Amino acid sequence: MARGWESKSVEAQQSEAAEATTPARVHLTPEQVARLQKREGLILARKHILEQLRVSENSRHRQILDSALADLEAKIADLDP
């Protein structure tokens, strides 16, 4: 009988420890989720353009990429609170 009680106590302690270590989930509104997804997409696009700039040798192509990069950075800044 004592072993059963002890194992339940250990189980309760373990579950409490697990709950303490996991961060609380933040509930976002649908608008916040959409904004976050859009921002992440823009950041991925920015990384892609930066990679293209790194390997591009054509000056005209680099100008176009610089313009696109500036546009993306402006859009990202608009989405930041």
Protein backbone atom coordinates (compact mmCIF):
# COMPACT_ATOMS: atom_id res chain seq x y z
CA MET A 1 0.00 0.00 0.00
CA ALA A 2 2.77 2.41 0.87
CA ARG A 3 4.48 1.83 -2.49
CA GLY A 4 1.34 2.78 -4.41
CA TRP A 5 1.03 6.03 -2.50
CA GLU A 6 4.71 6.78 -3.00
CA SER A 7 4.56 6.24 -6.77
CA LYS A 8 1.54 8.52 -7.04
CA SER A 9 3.40 11.19 -5.13
CA VAL A 10 6.42 10.85 -7.41
CA GLU A 11 4.14 10.98 -10.46
CA ALA A 12 2.51 14.17 -9.16
CA GLN A 13 5.91 15.74 -8.50
CA GLN A 14 7.09 14.86 -11.99
CA SER A 15 3.99 16.32 -13.62
CA GLU A 16 4.33 19.51 -11.56
CA ALA A 17 7.98 19.81 -12.61
CA ALA A 18 7.06 19.31 -16.26
CA GLU A 19 4.39 21.99 -16.04
CA ALA A 20 6.84 24.39 -14.42
CA THR A 21 9.43 23.95 -17.17
CA THR A 22 7.07 24.37 -20.15
CA PRO A 23 6.36 27.99 -21.00
CA ALA A 24 2.80 29.20 -20.88
CA ARG A 25 1.16 29.27 -24.31
CA VAL A 26 0.31 32.73 -25.50
CA HIS A 27 -3.10 32.95 -27.12
CA LEU A 28 -3.01 35.10 -30.23
CA THR A 29 -5.88 36.58 -32.12
CA PRO A 30 -6.33 35.54 -35.76
CA GLU A 31 -5.06 38.98 -36.82
CA GLN A 32 -1.91 38.55 -34.73
CA VAL A 33 -1.31 35.10 -36.23
CA ALA A 34 -1.73 36.45 -39.76
CA ARG A 35 0.63 39.34 -39.01
CA LEU A 36 3.21 36.96 -37.54
CA GLN A 37 3.00 34.62 -40.54
CA LYS A 38 3.34 37.53 -42.95
CA ARG A 39 6.39 38.82 -41.05
CA GLU A 40 8.03 35.39 -41.11
CA GLY A 41 7.40 35.12 -44.85
CA LEU A 42 8.98 38.54 -45.41
CA ILE A 43 11.99 37.56 -43.33
CA LEU A 44 12.44 34.39 -45.41
CA ALA A 45 12.19 36.44 -48.60
CA ARG A 46 14.79 38.85 -47.19
CA LYS A 47 17.17 35.97 -46.48
CA HIS A 48 16.67 34.72 -50.03
CA ILE A 49 17.48 38.13 -51.50
CA LEU A 50 20.55 38.49 -49.29
CA GLU A 51 21.81 35.14 -50.57
CA GLN A 52 21.21 36.24 -54.17
CA LEU A 53 23.10 39.47 -53.48
CA ARG A 54 26.00 37.50 -52.10
CA VAL A 55 26.45 35.49 -55.29
CA SER A 56 25.31 38.02 -57.91
CA GLU A 57 27.95 39.56 -60.16
CA ASN A 58 25.72 41.55 -62.53
CA SER A 59 25.48 45.18 -61.38
CA ARG A 60 21.95 45.68 -62.77
CA HIS A 61 20.73 42.55 -61.01
CA ARG A 62 22.36 43.76 -57.79
CA GLN A 63 20.52 47.10 -58.11
CA ILE A 64 17.20 45.30 -58.49
CA LEU A 65 17.99 43.09 -55.50
CA ASP A 66 18.99 46.13 -53.41
CA SER A 67 15.67 47.77 -54.27
CA ALA A 68 13.74 44.62 -53.38
CA LEU A 69 15.69 44.33 -50.12
CA ALA A 70 14.86 47.91 -49.16
CA ASP A 71 11.19 47.26 -49.93
CA LEU A 72 11.14 44.10 -47.81
CA GLU A 73 12.85 45.81 -44.90
CA ALA A 74 10.28 48.63 -45.04
CA LYS A 75 7.44 46.09 -45.00
CA ILE A 76 9.00 44.24 -42.06
CA ALA A 77 9.40 47.52 -40.17
CA ASP A 78 5.72 48.31 -40.79
CA LEU A 79 4.70 44.99 -39.27
CA ASP A 80 6.80 45.45 -36.13
CA PRO A 81 4.83 46.88 -33.21
